[in-house]
Structure formats: structure tokens, C-alpha cells
Amino acid sequence: MTRPLVVIGAGGFGREVLELVDDVNAATTSPAWEVVGVLDDGEVDAALLSRLGTTHLGPVSVLPTLDAEVRHVIAVGGCSARAAIDARCVGWGRTAATLVHPSAVVGRRSVEVGEGSVLCAYASATTNIRLGRHVHLNPHASVGHDSVLGDHTTVTPQAGIAGAVTLGARVFVGTGAIVGPGLTVGDDVLVGAGAVVVRDVEPGATVAGVPARRH
């Protein structure tokens, strides 16, 4: 049965999610989702959306006016912005869609994926892993065994989270970065692209380099 869906965010990641939805639909005998449009509070490139077969419906505040059956996915890269939008959606009593690309490798028996999370092409979450609400695993991101990722966290392309790692809420792990095994990274941490994290990181820090140091 096809379910209606709106994508919140018309930027690059939002358009990647639109492509992801097409891949999810193509992998099933009956399409899983029907995109009814995109919501975004900012300026939108209508031509780019048109190429993907959809339109801008208006700002995020349009969501509560849509039928209750319409699910949403928050395709906004910024962790704090995603958390703020999620809070609004919860206040409106809306239910988010969870999207997993057919090429993603996800442990079937022991991986918990929170509501609203997006697992992109070739993302990997192996075993005994818990992903919070609205977590984004970008293409080729990997999460090792026994790890926990907090709500609204993003692991960007080619980044690797080793085994038994705990990432707090709203953590952003940059492209190609590595977080070593058994480490704890606090809430609201930014890990720079290509960084190699070899020790625990306190909440609110920005770390970069090899080995990663606070900046």
C-alpha cells in the first residue's frame, strides 16, 4: 500500500532523499511511498525539484494542514535545525517516516532504528546498534557493533564509527572522519572532516585533525 510522504528540506540532502525514495519504491513490487511535495521555510530552486517530479508546498507550518496519514521525513543536514523541526512536528502530533535504502546493510535482529531516521545507499549498521530519532547515515557511512547514536545525529559520507562507541545527541561527524572504538562523544559535538578521534570528546566541542584536537 502506497503511503503519502512529504520531504522537509529542499536543499542538497532533501533532493538526495527524494532520489532515495525512488530507489525504495523501485525495490518493491508495490511502491511504498508517494511524495506529495517538499516543505521548506527558505528560498527553493523550483527547477531542481521539478526535475525530481515534485514541487514546493510551502513552509514547514503547512504540515499540520495536511491529512493525518501524510508522513514526513526531515531531510535537513544541520543537527540542531533538524531537532527544532522535529519538536514542532511532535507538537503537531505528526508521525515521521523511517527510510532505509535497499543497499544499506542493517543487522536484522539487533539494530534499532529510531523514528524518522534516514539510512542512505551503502550505509552500514552491523549488530547490537541503537540509532535515535532522526539520525542520518549518509552514503557509505558505517557504524560498528554495540554502538549508540543519539537523536538528530549525522554521520556523513565515508565516515566510520567503530565498535562500542556512544555518540550523544546532535553530533555531526564530518566526511571521512573516524571515531575510534569504545569512545564517548558528548552532545552537540562537531567532528571535522577527515578527523581521527582517539579519545572521549566533551559536549559542545569542535574537534579536527589527526589525532583530533579541540578547536
C-alpha atoms as a PDB file:
ATOM      1  CA  MET A   1       0.000   0.000   0.000  1.00  0.00           C
ATOM      2  CA  THR A   2       1.426   3.378  -1.021  1.00  0.00           C
ATOM      3  CA  ARG A   3       1.730   5.931   1.774  1.00  0.00           C
ATOM      4  CA  PRO A   4       1.848   9.704   1.248  1.00  0.00           C
ATOM      5  CA  LEU A   5       5.080  11.442   2.231  1.00  0.00           C
ATOM      6  CA  VAL A   6       6.395  14.984   2.424  1.00  0.00           C
ATOM      7  CA  VAL A   7      10.096  15.782   2.494  1.00  0.00           C
ATOM      8  CA  ILE A   8      11.096  18.649   4.774  1.00  0.00           C
ATOM      9  CA  GLY A   9      14.097  20.349   3.209  1.00  0.00           C
ATOM     10  CA  ALA A  10      14.649  21.299  -0.424  1.00  0.00           C
ATOM     11  CA  GLY A  11      18.438  21.552  -0.270  1.00  0.00           C
ATOM     12  CA  GLY A  12      21.011  19.022  -1.360  1.00  0.00           C
ATOM     13  CA  PHE A  13      20.194  16.370   1.206  1.00  0.00           C
ATOM     14  CA  GLY A  14      16.475  16.837   0.655  1.00  0.00           C
ATOM     15  CA  ARG A  15      16.947  16.106  -3.024  1.00  0.00           C
ATOM     16  CA  GLU A  16      19.114  13.106  -2.191  1.00  0.00           C
ATOM     17  CA  VAL A  17      16.262  11.806  -0.054  1.00  0.00           C
ATOM     18  CA  LEU A  18      13.861  12.232  -2.966  1.00  0.00           C
ATOM     19  CA  GLU A  19      16.160  10.020  -5.026  1.00  0.00           C
ATOM     20  CA  LEU A  20      16.368   7.564  -2.122  1.00  0.00           C
ATOM     21  CA  VAL A  21      12.571   7.298  -2.039  1.00  0.00           C
ATOM     22  CA  ASP A  22      12.597   6.436  -5.739  1.00  0.00           C
ATOM     23  CA  ASP A  23      15.112   3.656  -5.024  1.00  0.00           C
ATOM     24  CA  VAL A  24      12.998   2.314  -2.155  1.00  0.00           C
ATOM     25  CA  ASN A  25       9.936   2.244  -4.401  1.00  0.00           C
ATOM     26  CA  ALA A  26      11.832   0.573  -7.242  1.00  0.00           C
ATOM     27  CA  ALA A  27      12.970  -2.235  -4.931  1.00  0.00           C
ATOM     28  CA  THR A  28       9.413  -3.306  -4.071  1.00  0.00           C
ATOM     29  CA  THR A  29       6.645  -4.863  -6.135  1.00  0.00           C
ATOM     30  CA  SER A  30       4.292  -2.128  -4.947  1.00  0.00           C
ATOM     31  CA  PRO A  31       5.628   1.427  -4.364  1.00  0.00           C
ATOM     32  CA  ALA A  32       5.957   2.153  -0.667  1.00  0.00           C
ATOM     33  CA  TRP A  33       5.785   5.960  -0.792  1.00  0.00           C
ATOM     34  CA  GLU A  34       4.117   8.678  -2.826  1.00  0.00           C
ATOM     35  CA  VAL A  35       5.865  12.032  -2.428  1.00  0.00           C
ATOM     36  CA  VAL A  36       3.215  14.739  -2.322  1.00  0.00           C
ATOM     37  CA  GLY A  37       5.701  17.602  -2.137  1.00  0.00           C
ATOM     38  CA  VAL A  38       8.503  19.359  -0.282  1.00  0.00           C
ATOM     39  CA  LEU A  39       8.293  21.779   2.635  1.00  0.00           C
ATOM     40  CA  ASP A  40      10.955  24.416   3.233  1.00  0.00           C
ATOM     41  CA  ASP A  41      10.935  27.785   5.003  1.00  0.00           C
ATOM     42  CA  GLY A  42      13.617  29.261   2.764  1.00  0.00           C
ATOM     43  CA  GLU A  43      14.078  30.009  -0.902  1.00  0.00           C
ATOM     44  CA  VAL A  44      13.649  26.945  -3.095  1.00  0.00           C
ATOM     45  CA  ASP A  45      15.010  26.084  -6.533  1.00  0.00           C
ATOM     46  CA  ALA A  46      11.771  25.002  -8.190  1.00  0.00           C
ATOM     47  CA  ALA A  47      13.578  23.797 -11.317  1.00  0.00           C
ATOM     48  CA  LEU A  48      15.663  21.280  -9.359  1.00  0.00           C
ATOM     49  CA  LEU A  49      12.558  19.961  -7.613  1.00  0.00           C
ATOM     50  CA  SER A  50      10.711  19.752 -10.921  1.00  0.00           C
ATOM     51  CA  ARG A  51      13.466  17.529 -12.324  1.00  0.00           C
ATOM     52  CA  LEU A  52      12.715  15.146  -9.462  1.00  0.00           C
ATOM     53  CA  GLY A  53       8.987  15.199 -10.146  1.00  0.00           C
ATOM     54  CA  THR A  54       7.863  17.218  -7.154  1.00  0.00           C
ATOM     55  CA  THR A  55       7.005  20.759  -6.045  1.00  0.00           C
ATOM     56  CA  HIS A  56       7.406  23.125  -3.107  1.00  0.00           C
ATOM     57  CA  LEU A  57       4.230  23.081  -0.995  1.00  0.00           C
ATOM     58  CA  GLY A  58       5.272  25.948   1.261  1.00  0.00           C
ATOM     59  CA  PRO A  59       6.897  26.367   4.695  1.00  0.00           C
ATOM     60  CA  VAL A  60       7.061  23.683   7.370  1.00  0.00           C
ATOM     61  CA  SER A  61       3.982  25.207   9.006  1.00  0.00           C
ATOM     62  CA  VAL A  62       1.916  23.686   6.174  1.00  0.00           C
ATOM     63  CA  LEU A  63       2.440  20.204   7.649  1.00  0.00           C
ATOM     64  CA  PRO A  64      -0.386  20.276  10.242  1.00  0.00           C
ATOM     65  CA  THR A  65      -2.847  21.255   7.496  1.00  0.00           C
ATOM     66  CA  LEU A  66      -2.142  18.044   5.567  1.00  0.00           C
ATOM     67  CA  ASP A  67      -4.076  14.822   6.031  1.00  0.00           C
ATOM     68  CA  ALA A  68      -3.078  12.907   9.161  1.00  0.00           C
ATOM     69  CA  GLU A  69      -1.971   9.971   7.012  1.00  0.00           C
ATOM     70  CA  VAL A  70       0.829  12.017   5.449  1.00  0.00           C
ATOM     71  CA  ARG A  71       4.187  11.072   6.925  1.00  0.00           C
ATOM     72  CA  HIS A  72       7.214  13.355   6.875  1.00  0.00           C
ATOM     73  CA  VAL A  73      10.974  12.970   6.737  1.00  0.00           C
ATOM     74  CA  ILE A  74      13.268  15.774   7.905  1.00  0.00           C
ATOM     75  CA  ALA A  75      15.969  15.975   5.239  1.00  0.00           C
ATOM     76  CA  VAL A  76      17.886  18.854   6.822  1.00  0.00           C
ATOM     77  CA  GLY A  77      21.610  18.384   7.373  1.00  0.00           C
ATOM     78  CA  GLY A  78      22.038  20.645  10.404  1.00  0.00           C
ATOM     79  CA  CYS A  79      21.556  18.634  13.577  1.00  0.00           C
ATOM     80  CA  SER A  80      20.143  21.431  15.747  1.00  0.00           C
ATOM     81  CA  ALA A  81      17.846  22.623  12.956  1.00  0.00           C
ATOM     82  CA  ARG A  82      16.582  19.067  12.492  1.00  0.00           C
ATOM     83  CA  ALA A  83      15.928  18.770  16.227  1.00  0.00           C
ATOM     84  CA  ALA A  84      13.957  22.030  16.242  1.00  0.00           C
ATOM     85  CA  ILE A  85      11.820  20.933  13.296  1.00  0.00           C
ATOM     86  CA  ASP A  86      11.243  17.567  14.945  1.00  0.00           C
ATOM     87  CA  ALA A  87       9.989  19.297  18.100  1.00  0.00           C
ATOM     88  CA  ARG A  88       7.467  21.248  16.033  1.00  0.00           C
ATOM     89  CA  CYS A  89       6.285  18.119  14.247  1.00  0.00           C
ATOM     90  CA  VAL A  90       5.873  16.220  17.511  1.00  0.00           C
ATOM     91  CA  GLY A  91       3.864  19.146  18.883  1.00  0.00           C
ATOM     92  CA  TRP A  92       1.538  18.830  15.907  1.00  0.00           C
ATOM     93  CA  GLY A  93       1.113  15.121  16.580  1.00  0.00           C
ATOM     94  CA  ARG A  94       2.733  14.098  13.297  1.00  0.00           C
ATOM     95  CA  THR A  95       4.453  10.759  12.624  1.00  0.00           C
ATOM     96  CA  ALA A  96       7.768  10.616  10.792  1.00  0.00           C
ATOM     97  CA  ALA A  97       8.760   8.083   8.153  1.00  0.00           C
ATOM     98  CA  THR A  98      11.899   5.973   8.554  1.00  0.00           C
ATOM     99  CA  LEU A  99      13.754   5.431   5.275  1.00  0.00           C
ATOM    100  CA  VAL A 100      16.352   2.735   4.611  1.00  0.00           C
ATOM    101  CA  HIS A 101      17.945   2.479   1.180  1.00  0.00           C
ATOM    102  CA  PRO A 102      17.748  -1.057  -0.243  1.00  0.00           C
ATOM    103  CA  SER A 103      21.550  -1.228  -0.487  1.00  0.00           C
ATOM    104  CA  ALA A 104      22.103  -0.336   3.184  1.00  0.00           C
ATOM    105  CA  VAL A 105      23.423  -3.142   5.371  1.00  0.00           C
ATOM    106  CA  VAL A 106      21.454  -3.254   8.617  1.00  0.00           C
ATOM    107  CA  GLY A 107      21.506  -6.057  11.180  1.00  0.00           C
ATOM    108  CA  ARG A 108      18.039  -7.565  11.028  1.00  0.00           C
ATOM    109  CA  ARG A 109      17.786  -8.907  14.566  1.00  0.00           C
ATOM    110  CA  SER A 110      19.619  -6.460  16.800  1.00  0.00           C
ATOM    111  CA  VAL A 111      19.694  -2.998  15.239  1.00  0.00           C
ATOM    112  CA  GLU A 112      17.131  -0.471  16.475  1.00  0.00           C
ATOM    113  CA  VAL A 113      16.418   2.386  14.081  1.00  0.00           C
ATOM    114  CA  GLY A 114      14.611   5.372  15.581  1.00  0.00           C
ATOM    115  CA  GLU A 115      11.618   7.072  14.010  1.00  0.00           C
ATOM    116  CA  GLY A 116      12.481   9.474  11.218  1.00  0.00           C
ATOM    117  CA  SER A 117      15.982   8.133  10.625  1.00  0.00           C
ATOM    118  CA  VAL A 118      17.429   8.007   7.106  1.00  0.00           C
ATOM    119  CA  LEU A 119      19.960   5.351   6.098  1.00  0.00           C
ATOM    120  CA  CYS A 120      21.377   6.151   2.681  1.00  0.00           C
ATOM    121  CA  ALA A 121      22.908   3.966  -0.010  1.00  0.00           C
ATOM    122  CA  TYR A 122      25.612   1.572   1.243  1.00  0.00           C
ATOM    123  CA  ALA A 123      25.364   2.758   4.831  1.00  0.00           C
ATOM    124  CA  SER A 124      26.207   0.033   7.318  1.00  0.00           C
ATOM    125  CA  ALA A 125      24.955  -0.661  10.841  1.00  0.00           C
ATOM    126  CA  THR A 126      26.145  -4.099  11.860  1.00  0.00           C
ATOM    127  CA  THR A 127      24.878  -5.565  15.128  1.00  0.00           C
ATOM    128  CA  ASN A 128      23.523  -4.516  18.544  1.00  0.00           C
ATOM    129  CA  ILE A 129      23.273  -0.871  17.485  1.00  0.00           C
ATOM    130  CA  ARG A 130      20.725   1.717  18.574  1.00  0.00           C
ATOM    131  CA  LEU A 131      20.042   4.759  16.409  1.00  0.00           C
ATOM    132  CA  GLY A 132      17.969   7.532  17.956  1.00  0.00           C
ATOM    133  CA  ARG A 133      15.277   9.675  16.349  1.00  0.00           C
ATOM    134  CA  HIS A 134      16.040  11.335  13.016  1.00  0.00           C
ATOM    135  CA  VAL A 135      19.589  10.010  12.734  1.00  0.00           C
ATOM    136  CA  HIS A 136      21.163  10.403   9.284  1.00  0.00           C
ATOM    137  CA  LEU A 137      23.649   7.844   7.985  1.00  0.00           C
ATOM    138  CA  ASN A 138      24.900   9.267   4.690  1.00  0.00           C
ATOM    139  CA  PRO A 139      26.176   7.168   1.757  1.00  0.00           C
ATOM    140  CA  HIS A 140      28.926   4.716   2.760  1.00  0.00           C
ATOM    141  CA  ALA A 141      28.791   5.754   6.429  1.00  0.00           C
ATOM    142  CA  SER A 142      29.459   2.854   8.785  1.00  0.00           C
ATOM    143  CA  VAL A 143      28.578   2.174  12.410  1.00  0.00           C
ATOM    144  CA  GLY A 144      30.243  -0.693  14.246  1.00  0.00           C
ATOM    145  CA  HIS A 145      28.868  -3.205  16.721  1.00  0.00           C
ATOM    146  CA  ASP A 146      27.433  -2.228  20.106  1.00  0.00           C
ATOM    147  CA  SER A 147      27.280   1.499  19.327  1.00  0.00           C
ATOM    148  CA  VAL A 148      24.622   4.025  20.312  1.00  0.00           C
ATOM    149  CA  LEU A 149      23.861   7.189  18.325  1.00  0.00           C
ATOM    150  CA  GLY A 150      21.774   9.881  19.973  1.00  0.00           C
ATOM    151  CA  ASP A 151      18.816  11.732  18.481  1.00  0.00           C
ATOM    152  CA  HIS A 152      19.390  14.029  15.479  1.00  0.00           C
ATOM    153  CA  THR A 153      22.966  12.869  14.911  1.00  0.00           C
ATOM    154  CA  THR A 154      24.545  12.848  11.440  1.00  0.00           C
ATOM    155  CA  VAL A 155      27.302  10.588  10.135  1.00  0.00           C
ATOM    156  CA  THR A 156      28.353  11.972   6.760  1.00  0.00           C
ATOM    157  CA  PRO A 157      29.716  10.114   3.692  1.00  0.00           C
ATOM    158  CA  GLN A 158      32.645   7.741   4.207  1.00  0.00           C
ATOM    159  CA  ALA A 159      32.754   8.406   7.967  1.00  0.00           C
ATOM    160  CA  GLY A 160      33.326   5.439  10.243  1.00  0.00           C
ATOM    161  CA  ILE A 161      32.104   4.849  13.787  1.00  0.00           C
ATOM    162  CA  ALA A 162      33.985   1.957  15.382  1.00  0.00           C
ATOM    163  CA  GLY A 163      32.546  -0.616  17.773  1.00  0.00           C
ATOM    164  CA  ALA A 164      31.142   0.207  21.219  1.00  0.00           C
ATOM    165  CA  VAL A 165      31.032   3.956  20.559  1.00  0.00           C
ATOM    166  CA  THR A 166      28.480   6.279  22.148  1.00  0.00           C
ATOM    167  CA  LEU A 167      27.596   9.450  20.258  1.00  0.00           C
ATOM    168  CA  GLY A 168      25.391  11.945  22.069  1.00  0.00           C
ATOM    169  CA  ALA A 169      22.511  13.928  20.618  1.00  0.00           C
ATOM    170  CA  ARG A 170      23.058  16.306  17.682  1.00  0.00           C
ATOM    171  CA  VAL A 171      26.587  15.080  16.928  1.00  0.00           C
ATOM    172  CA  PHE A 172      27.859  15.836  13.421  1.00  0.00           C
ATOM    173  CA  VAL A 173      30.620  13.574  12.135  1.00  0.00           C
ATOM    174  CA  GLY A 174      32.276  15.081   9.052  1.00  0.00           C
ATOM    175  CA  THR A 175      33.121  13.362   5.786  1.00  0.00           C
ATOM    176  CA  GLY A 176      35.747  10.671   6.107  1.00  0.00           C
ATOM    177  CA  ALA A 177      36.157  11.104   9.862  1.00  0.00           C
ATOM    178  CA  ILE A 178      36.799   8.143  12.156  1.00  0.00           C
ATOM    179  CA  VAL A 179      35.712   7.714  15.767  1.00  0.00           C
ATOM    180  CA  GLY A 180      37.782   5.017  17.461  1.00  0.00           C
ATOM    181  CA  PRO A 181      36.420   2.055  19.416  1.00  0.00           C
ATOM    182  CA  GLY A 182      34.891   2.387  22.851  1.00  0.00           C
ATOM    183  CA  LEU A 183      34.813   6.190  22.869  1.00  0.00           C
ATOM    184  CA  THR A 184      32.126   8.542  24.134  1.00  0.00           C
ATOM    185  CA  VAL A 185      31.351  11.743  22.219  1.00  0.00           C
ATOM    186  CA  GLY A 186      29.119  14.228  24.029  1.00  0.00           C
ATOM    187  CA  ASP A 187      26.063  16.110  22.823  1.00  0.00           C
ATOM    188  CA  ASP A 188      26.419  18.848  20.180  1.00  0.00           C
ATOM    189  CA  VAL A 189      29.935  17.876  19.114  1.00  0.00           C
ATOM    190  CA  LEU A 190      31.246  18.679  15.637  1.00  0.00           C
ATOM    191  CA  VAL A 191      33.863  16.265  14.316  1.00  0.00           C
ATOM    192  CA  GLY A 192      35.680  17.809  11.363  1.00  0.00           C
ATOM    193  CA  ALA A 193      36.094  16.115   8.007  1.00  0.00           C
ATOM    194  CA  GLY A 194      38.917  13.593   7.981  1.00  0.00           C
ATOM    195  CA  ALA A 195      39.449  13.781  11.736  1.00  0.00           C
ATOM    196  CA  VAL A 196      40.550  10.718  13.700  1.00  0.00           C
ATOM    197  CA  VAL A 197      39.050  10.753  17.187  1.00  0.00           C
ATOM    198  CA  VAL A 198      41.164   8.732  19.644  1.00  0.00           C
ATOM    199  CA  ARG A 199      39.828   9.966  22.985  1.00  0.00           C
ATOM    200  CA  ASP A 200      36.481  10.932  24.520  1.00  0.00           C
ATOM    201  CA  VAL A 201      35.078  14.317  23.482  1.00  0.00           C
ATOM    202  CA  GLU A 202      33.247  16.593  25.896  1.00  0.00           C
ATOM    203  CA  PRO A 203      29.838  18.064  24.976  1.00  0.00           C
ATOM    204  CA  GLY A 204      29.797  21.105  22.705  1.00  0.00           C
ATOM    205  CA  ALA A 205      33.351  20.717  21.427  1.00  0.00           C
ATOM    206  CA  THR A 206      34.603  21.039  17.871  1.00  0.00           C
ATOM    207  CA  VAL A 207      37.450  18.635  17.091  1.00  0.00           C
ATOM    208  CA  ALA A 208      39.553  18.254  13.966  1.00  0.00           C
ATOM    209  CA  GLY A 209      42.837  16.803  12.774  1.00  0.00           C
ATOM    210  CA  VAL A 210      44.793  13.574  13.192  1.00  0.00           C
ATOM    211  CA  PRO A 211      44.636  12.843  16.030  1.00  0.00           C
ATOM    212  CA  ALA A 212      41.593  15.038  16.630  1.00  0.00           C
ATOM    213  CA  ARG A 213      42.084  18.009  18.933  1.00  0.00           C
ATOM    214  CA  ARG A 214      39.721  20.676  20.158  1.00  0.00           C
ATOM    215  CA  HIS A 215      39.490  23.855  18.070  1.00  0.00           C
END
